[in-house]
């Protein structure tokens, strides 16, 4: 089964090291500036796909029915004062061509994925960018709590390519069930 990892420093570093996400945290230089100085730090900028948009995405899927990827960064902000169901983001380790080849041959395994239970309102782990070309999908679990919502900025004209993963639906559902049973 795919293991679900709670977001922490080790998981963060792993995702960054694999090139799946980029930090949008302010660099230390901004915290140590001399007196009477202001500075702007451009974290990510992309003009290749038009203007930028900010969207709120409510999530109530019990598995990521489609994986998606984009040609540019997708910035994610997990800010909420509400008690919600967990938000899971599943990342595929392969790029699109290898992923589709494995999917079509029915060779996708749990080791091809990582599922992260995201953390809201954390100064270090709640703001990040999913890197261009990374296949990913968001989902949650059943429950009475409010649905998780993520805030996303991305270029207005950016294409979103969808990849059907319905053939491996049970991998994700079983991972969440196992995690809930362990609680």
C-alpha atoms as a PDB file:
ATOM      1  CA  UNK A   1       0.000   0.000   0.000  1.00  0.00           C
ATOM      2  CA  UNK A   2       1.074   3.579  -0.538  1.00  0.00           C
ATOM      3  CA  UNK A   3       2.268   5.090   2.718  1.00  0.00           C
ATOM      4  CA  UNK A   4       0.764   8.426   3.781  1.00  0.00           C
ATOM      5  CA  UNK A   5       3.329  10.732   5.351  1.00  0.00           C
ATOM      6  CA  UNK A   6       2.411  13.646   7.623  1.00  0.00           C
ATOM      7  CA  UNK A   7       4.147  16.805   6.421  1.00  0.00           C
ATOM      8  CA  UNK A   8       7.260  17.510   8.485  1.00  0.00           C
ATOM      9  CA  UNK A   9      10.838  18.674   7.883  1.00  0.00           C
ATOM     10  CA  UNK A  10      11.999  15.277   6.596  1.00  0.00           C
ATOM     11  CA  UNK A  11       9.075  14.925   4.150  1.00  0.00           C
ATOM     12  CA  UNK A  12       9.488  18.574   3.069  1.00  0.00           C
ATOM     13  CA  UNK A  13      13.190  18.064   2.333  1.00  0.00           C
ATOM     14  CA  UNK A  14      12.439  14.826   0.480  1.00  0.00           C
ATOM     15  CA  UNK A  15       9.828  16.485  -1.774  1.00  0.00           C
ATOM     16  CA  UNK A  16      12.175  19.405  -2.441  1.00  0.00           C
ATOM     17  CA  UNK A  17      15.111  17.072  -3.068  1.00  0.00           C
ATOM     18  CA  UNK A  18      13.054  15.048  -5.581  1.00  0.00           C
ATOM     19  CA  UNK A  19      12.154  18.281  -7.402  1.00  0.00           C
ATOM     20  CA  UNK A  20       8.424  17.902  -6.701  1.00  0.00           C
ATOM     21  CA  UNK A  21       7.921  21.207  -4.845  1.00  0.00           C
ATOM     22  CA  UNK A  22       9.726  24.524  -4.409  1.00  0.00           C
ATOM     23  CA  UNK A  23       9.674  26.618  -1.271  1.00  0.00           C
ATOM     24  CA  UNK A  24       7.974  30.016  -1.364  1.00  0.00           C
ATOM     25  CA  UNK A  25       9.349  30.926   2.067  1.00  0.00           C
ATOM     26  CA  UNK A  26      11.151  34.223   2.421  1.00  0.00           C
ATOM     27  CA  UNK A  27      14.912  33.915   2.422  1.00  0.00           C
ATOM     28  CA  UNK A  28      16.903  34.750   5.528  1.00  0.00           C
ATOM     29  CA  UNK A  29      18.249  37.894   3.829  1.00  0.00           C
ATOM     30  CA  UNK A  30      14.902  39.620   4.308  1.00  0.00           C
ATOM     31  CA  UNK A  31      14.970  38.933   8.037  1.00  0.00           C
ATOM     32  CA  UNK A  32      18.482  40.341   8.480  1.00  0.00           C
ATOM     33  CA  UNK A  33      18.411  43.578   6.445  1.00  0.00           C
ATOM     34  CA  UNK A  34      20.116  46.701   7.669  1.00  0.00           C
ATOM     35  CA  UNK A  35      18.061  49.562   9.112  1.00  0.00           C
ATOM     36  CA  UNK A  36      16.193  51.886   6.743  1.00  0.00           C
ATOM     37  CA  UNK A  37      16.011  49.331   3.983  1.00  0.00           C
ATOM     38  CA  UNK A  38      13.184  47.607   2.145  1.00  0.00           C
ATOM     39  CA  UNK A  39      13.576  44.740  -0.264  1.00  0.00           C
ATOM     40  CA  UNK A  40      11.342  42.732  -2.538  1.00  0.00           C
ATOM     41  CA  UNK A  41      12.019  39.068  -3.126  1.00  0.00           C
ATOM     42  CA  UNK A  42      10.566  37.553  -6.288  1.00  0.00           C
ATOM     43  CA  UNK A  43       9.904  33.958  -5.369  1.00  0.00           C
ATOM     44  CA  UNK A  44       8.550  32.652  -8.682  1.00  0.00           C
ATOM     45  CA  UNK A  45       7.630  34.538 -11.823  1.00  0.00           C
ATOM     46  CA  UNK A  46       6.266  33.260 -15.098  1.00  0.00           C
ATOM     47  CA  UNK A  47       5.116  35.375 -17.997  1.00  0.00           C
ATOM     48  CA  UNK A  48       5.040  32.581 -20.572  1.00  0.00           C
ATOM     49  CA  UNK A  49       1.390  31.732 -19.990  1.00  0.00           C
ATOM     50  CA  UNK A  50      -0.258  35.159 -19.435  1.00  0.00           C
ATOM     51  CA  UNK A  51      -1.336  36.908 -16.263  1.00  0.00           C
ATOM     52  CA  UNK A  52      -1.605  35.267 -12.883  1.00  0.00           C
ATOM     53  CA  UNK A  53      -4.759  34.095 -11.121  1.00  0.00           C
ATOM     54  CA  UNK A  54      -5.599  33.255  -7.530  1.00  0.00           C
ATOM     55  CA  UNK A  55      -8.146  30.498  -6.966  1.00  0.00           C
ATOM     56  CA  UNK A  56      -9.660  28.702  -3.995  1.00  0.00           C
ATOM     57  CA  UNK A  57     -10.114  24.971  -4.504  1.00  0.00           C
ATOM     58  CA  UNK A  58     -12.562  23.098  -2.297  1.00  0.00           C
ATOM     59  CA  UNK A  59     -11.776  19.402  -2.064  1.00  0.00           C
ATOM     60  CA  UNK A  60     -14.205  16.604  -1.414  1.00  0.00           C
ATOM     61  CA  UNK A  61     -12.846  13.796  -3.626  1.00  0.00           C
ATOM     62  CA  UNK A  62     -12.103  10.507  -1.867  1.00  0.00           C
ATOM     63  CA  UNK A  63      -9.283   9.719  -4.297  1.00  0.00           C
ATOM     64  CA  UNK A  64      -7.493  11.823  -6.921  1.00  0.00           C
ATOM     65  CA  UNK A  65      -9.647  10.734  -9.879  1.00  0.00           C
ATOM     66  CA  UNK A  66      -7.324  12.519 -12.282  1.00  0.00           C
ATOM     67  CA  UNK A  67      -3.679  13.430 -11.861  1.00  0.00           C
ATOM     68  CA  UNK A  68      -2.781  16.765 -13.377  1.00  0.00           C
ATOM     69  CA  UNK A  69       0.348  18.674 -14.268  1.00  0.00           C
ATOM     70  CA  UNK A  70       1.149  22.133 -15.544  1.00  0.00           C
ATOM     71  CA  UNK A  71       3.942  23.706 -17.619  1.00  0.00           C
ATOM     72  CA  UNK A  72       4.632  26.285 -14.870  1.00  0.00           C
ATOM     73  CA  UNK A  73       4.734  26.472 -11.070  1.00  0.00           C
ATOM     74  CA  UNK A  74       1.478  26.161  -9.153  1.00  0.00           C
ATOM     75  CA  UNK A  75       1.752  28.004  -5.824  1.00  0.00           C
ATOM     76  CA  UNK A  76      -0.266  26.516  -2.961  1.00  0.00           C
ATOM     77  CA  UNK A  77      -1.232  28.227   0.302  1.00  0.00           C
ATOM     78  CA  UNK A  78      -2.897  26.186   3.030  1.00  0.00           C
ATOM     79  CA  UNK A  79      -4.389  28.851   5.264  1.00  0.00           C
ATOM     80  CA  UNK A  80      -7.522  28.231   7.295  1.00  0.00           C
ATOM     81  CA  UNK A  81      -8.701  28.681  10.832  1.00  0.00           C
ATOM     82  CA  UNK A  82     -11.260  25.930  10.393  1.00  0.00           C
ATOM     83  CA  UNK A  83     -11.317  22.350  11.558  1.00  0.00           C
ATOM     84  CA  UNK A  84     -11.434  20.417   8.284  1.00  0.00           C
ATOM     85  CA  UNK A  85     -11.013  16.908   7.010  1.00  0.00           C
ATOM     86  CA  UNK A  86      -7.415  16.171   5.994  1.00  0.00           C
ATOM     87  CA  UNK A  87      -6.099  17.313   2.641  1.00  0.00           C
ATOM     88  CA  UNK A  88      -3.929  14.738   0.890  1.00  0.00           C
ATOM     89  CA  UNK A  89      -1.725  15.475  -2.093  1.00  0.00           C
ATOM     90  CA  UNK A  90      -0.502  12.461  -4.044  1.00  0.00           C
ATOM     91  CA  UNK A  91       2.713  12.977  -6.018  1.00  0.00           C
ATOM     92  CA  UNK A  92       3.910  10.701  -8.816  1.00  0.00           C
ATOM     93  CA  UNK A  93       7.672  10.241  -8.996  1.00  0.00           C
ATOM     94  CA  UNK A  94       7.713   9.685 -12.769  1.00  0.00           C
ATOM     95  CA  UNK A  95       7.303  12.283 -15.476  1.00  0.00           C
ATOM     96  CA  UNK A  96       4.322  12.162 -17.808  1.00  0.00           C
ATOM     97  CA  UNK A  97       5.737   9.851 -20.507  1.00  0.00           C
ATOM     98  CA  UNK A  98       7.033   7.192 -18.087  1.00  0.00           C
ATOM     99  CA  UNK A  99       3.911   7.454 -15.932  1.00  0.00           C
ATOM    100  CA  UNK A 100       1.532   6.940 -18.868  1.00  0.00           C
ATOM    101  CA  UNK A 101       3.658   4.063 -20.164  1.00  0.00           C
ATOM    102  CA  UNK A 102       3.512   2.332 -16.758  1.00  0.00           C
ATOM    103  CA  UNK A 103      -0.205   3.058 -16.429  1.00  0.00           C
ATOM    104  CA  UNK A 104      -0.985   1.655 -19.873  1.00  0.00           C
ATOM    105  CA  UNK A 105       1.053  -1.472 -19.128  1.00  0.00           C
ATOM    106  CA  UNK A 106      -0.604  -1.773 -15.680  1.00  0.00           C
ATOM    107  CA  UNK A 107       2.825  -1.526 -14.059  1.00  0.00           C
ATOM    108  CA  UNK A 108       2.162   1.325 -11.597  1.00  0.00           C
ATOM    109  CA  UNK A 109       3.082   0.339  -8.042  1.00  0.00           C
ATOM    110  CA  UNK A 110       2.751   1.992  -4.655  1.00  0.00           C
ATOM    111  CA  UNK A 111       6.451   2.866  -4.817  1.00  0.00           C
ATOM    112  CA  UNK A 112       5.677   5.159  -7.787  1.00  0.00           C
ATOM    113  CA  UNK A 113       3.787   7.535  -5.471  1.00  0.00           C
ATOM    114  CA  UNK A 114       3.973   9.498  -2.276  1.00  0.00           C
ATOM    115  CA  UNK A 115       0.879  10.744  -0.454  1.00  0.00           C
ATOM    116  CA  UNK A 116       1.345  13.651   1.931  1.00  0.00           C
ATOM    117  CA  UNK A 117      -1.202  14.685   4.546  1.00  0.00           C
ATOM    118  CA  UNK A 118      -0.834  18.432   4.339  1.00  0.00           C
ATOM    119  CA  UNK A 119      -0.612  20.796   7.300  1.00  0.00           C
ATOM    120  CA  UNK A 120      -2.599  24.030   7.467  1.00  0.00           C
ATOM    121  CA  UNK A 121      -1.441  27.301   9.026  1.00  0.00           C
ATOM    122  CA  UNK A 122       2.143  26.121   9.543  1.00  0.00           C
ATOM    123  CA  UNK A 123       4.770  28.823   8.942  1.00  0.00           C
ATOM    124  CA  UNK A 124       7.134  26.389   7.261  1.00  0.00           C
ATOM    125  CA  UNK A 125       5.003  23.817   5.454  1.00  0.00           C
ATOM    126  CA  UNK A 126       1.773  25.521   4.396  1.00  0.00           C
ATOM    127  CA  UNK A 127       3.099  27.599   1.478  1.00  0.00           C
ATOM    128  CA  UNK A 128       4.904  25.938  -1.416  1.00  0.00           C
ATOM    129  CA  UNK A 129       4.983  25.592  -5.178  1.00  0.00           C
ATOM    130  CA  UNK A 130       4.398  22.392  -7.094  1.00  0.00           C
ATOM    131  CA  UNK A 131       7.042  22.350  -9.782  1.00  0.00           C
ATOM    132  CA  UNK A 132       6.301  22.327 -13.525  1.00  0.00           C
ATOM    133  CA  UNK A 133       5.519  18.909 -14.975  1.00  0.00           C
ATOM    134  CA  UNK A 134       4.953  17.175 -11.624  1.00  0.00           C
ATOM    135  CA  UNK A 135       1.961  14.828 -11.763  1.00  0.00           C
ATOM    136  CA  UNK A 136      -0.181  15.240  -8.667  1.00  0.00           C
ATOM    137  CA  UNK A 137      -3.727  15.036  -7.356  1.00  0.00           C
ATOM    138  CA  UNK A 138      -5.564  16.290  -4.296  1.00  0.00           C
ATOM    139  CA  UNK A 139      -8.158  14.414  -2.269  1.00  0.00           C
ATOM    140  CA  UNK A 140      -9.602  13.978   1.221  1.00  0.00           C
ATOM    141  CA  UNK A 141     -11.448  11.335   3.244  1.00  0.00           C
ATOM    142  CA  UNK A 142     -15.063  10.786   4.294  1.00  0.00           C
ATOM    143  CA  UNK A 143     -16.228  12.667   7.354  1.00  0.00           C
ATOM    144  CA  UNK A 144     -18.524  15.244   8.886  1.00  0.00           C
ATOM    145  CA  UNK A 145     -15.939  18.033   9.167  1.00  0.00           C
ATOM    146  CA  UNK A 146     -15.717  20.838   6.640  1.00  0.00           C
ATOM    147  CA  UNK A 147     -14.002  20.096   3.341  1.00  0.00           C
ATOM    148  CA  UNK A 148     -10.417  21.269   3.004  1.00  0.00           C
ATOM    149  CA  UNK A 149      -9.824  24.292   0.780  1.00  0.00           C
ATOM    150  CA  UNK A 150      -6.517  25.210  -0.807  1.00  0.00           C
ATOM    151  CA  UNK A 151      -5.548  28.605  -2.177  1.00  0.00           C
ATOM    152  CA  UNK A 152      -3.696  28.398  -5.486  1.00  0.00           C
ATOM    153  CA  UNK A 153      -2.031  30.973  -7.705  1.00  0.00           C
ATOM    154  CA  UNK A 154      -1.103  30.104 -11.252  1.00  0.00           C
ATOM    155  CA  UNK A 155      -0.814  31.786 -14.654  1.00  0.00           C
ATOM    156  CA  UNK A 156      -4.253  32.693 -16.036  1.00  0.00           C
ATOM    157  CA  UNK A 157      -3.703  31.056 -19.408  1.00  0.00           C
ATOM    158  CA  UNK A 158      -1.838  28.000 -18.169  1.00  0.00           C
ATOM    159  CA  UNK A 159      -3.010  24.663 -19.519  1.00  0.00           C
ATOM    160  CA  UNK A 160      -3.839  21.834 -17.149  1.00  0.00           C
ATOM    161  CA  UNK A 161      -3.216  18.370 -18.543  1.00  0.00           C
ATOM    162  CA  UNK A 162      -5.260  15.594 -16.940  1.00  0.00           C
ATOM    163  CA  UNK A 163      -4.205  11.955 -16.682  1.00  0.00           C
ATOM    164  CA  UNK A 164      -6.798   9.292 -15.869  1.00  0.00           C
ATOM    165  CA  UNK A 165      -5.795   7.105 -12.927  1.00  0.00           C
ATOM    166  CA  UNK A 166      -9.122   5.347 -12.339  1.00  0.00           C
ATOM    167  CA  UNK A 167      -7.435   1.970 -12.828  1.00  0.00           C
ATOM    168  CA  UNK A 168      -5.429   2.423  -9.612  1.00  0.00           C
ATOM    169  CA  UNK A 169      -8.147   4.078  -7.513  1.00  0.00           C
ATOM    170  CA  UNK A 170      -7.944   1.423  -4.776  1.00  0.00           C
ATOM    171  CA  UNK A 171      -4.295   2.210  -4.005  1.00  0.00           C
ATOM    172  CA  UNK A 172      -5.305   5.660  -2.773  1.00  0.00           C
ATOM    173  CA  UNK A 173      -8.529   4.657  -1.028  1.00  0.00           C
ATOM    174  CA  UNK A 174      -6.771   1.814   0.823  1.00  0.00           C
ATOM    175  CA  UNK A 175      -3.917   4.089   1.920  1.00  0.00           C
ATOM    176  CA  UNK A 176      -6.396   6.506   3.517  1.00  0.00           C
ATOM    177  CA  UNK A 177      -8.405   3.680   5.127  1.00  0.00           C
ATOM    178  CA  UNK A 178      -5.255   2.221   6.656  1.00  0.00           C
ATOM    179  CA  UNK A 179      -4.219   5.621   7.999  1.00  0.00           C
ATOM    180  CA  UNK A 180      -7.658   6.239   9.533  1.00  0.00           C
ATOM    181  CA  UNK A 181      -7.714   2.779  11.120  1.00  0.00           C
ATOM    182  CA  UNK A 182      -4.331   3.436  12.726  1.00  0.00           C
ATOM    183  CA  UNK A 183      -5.647   6.554  14.508  1.00  0.00           C
END
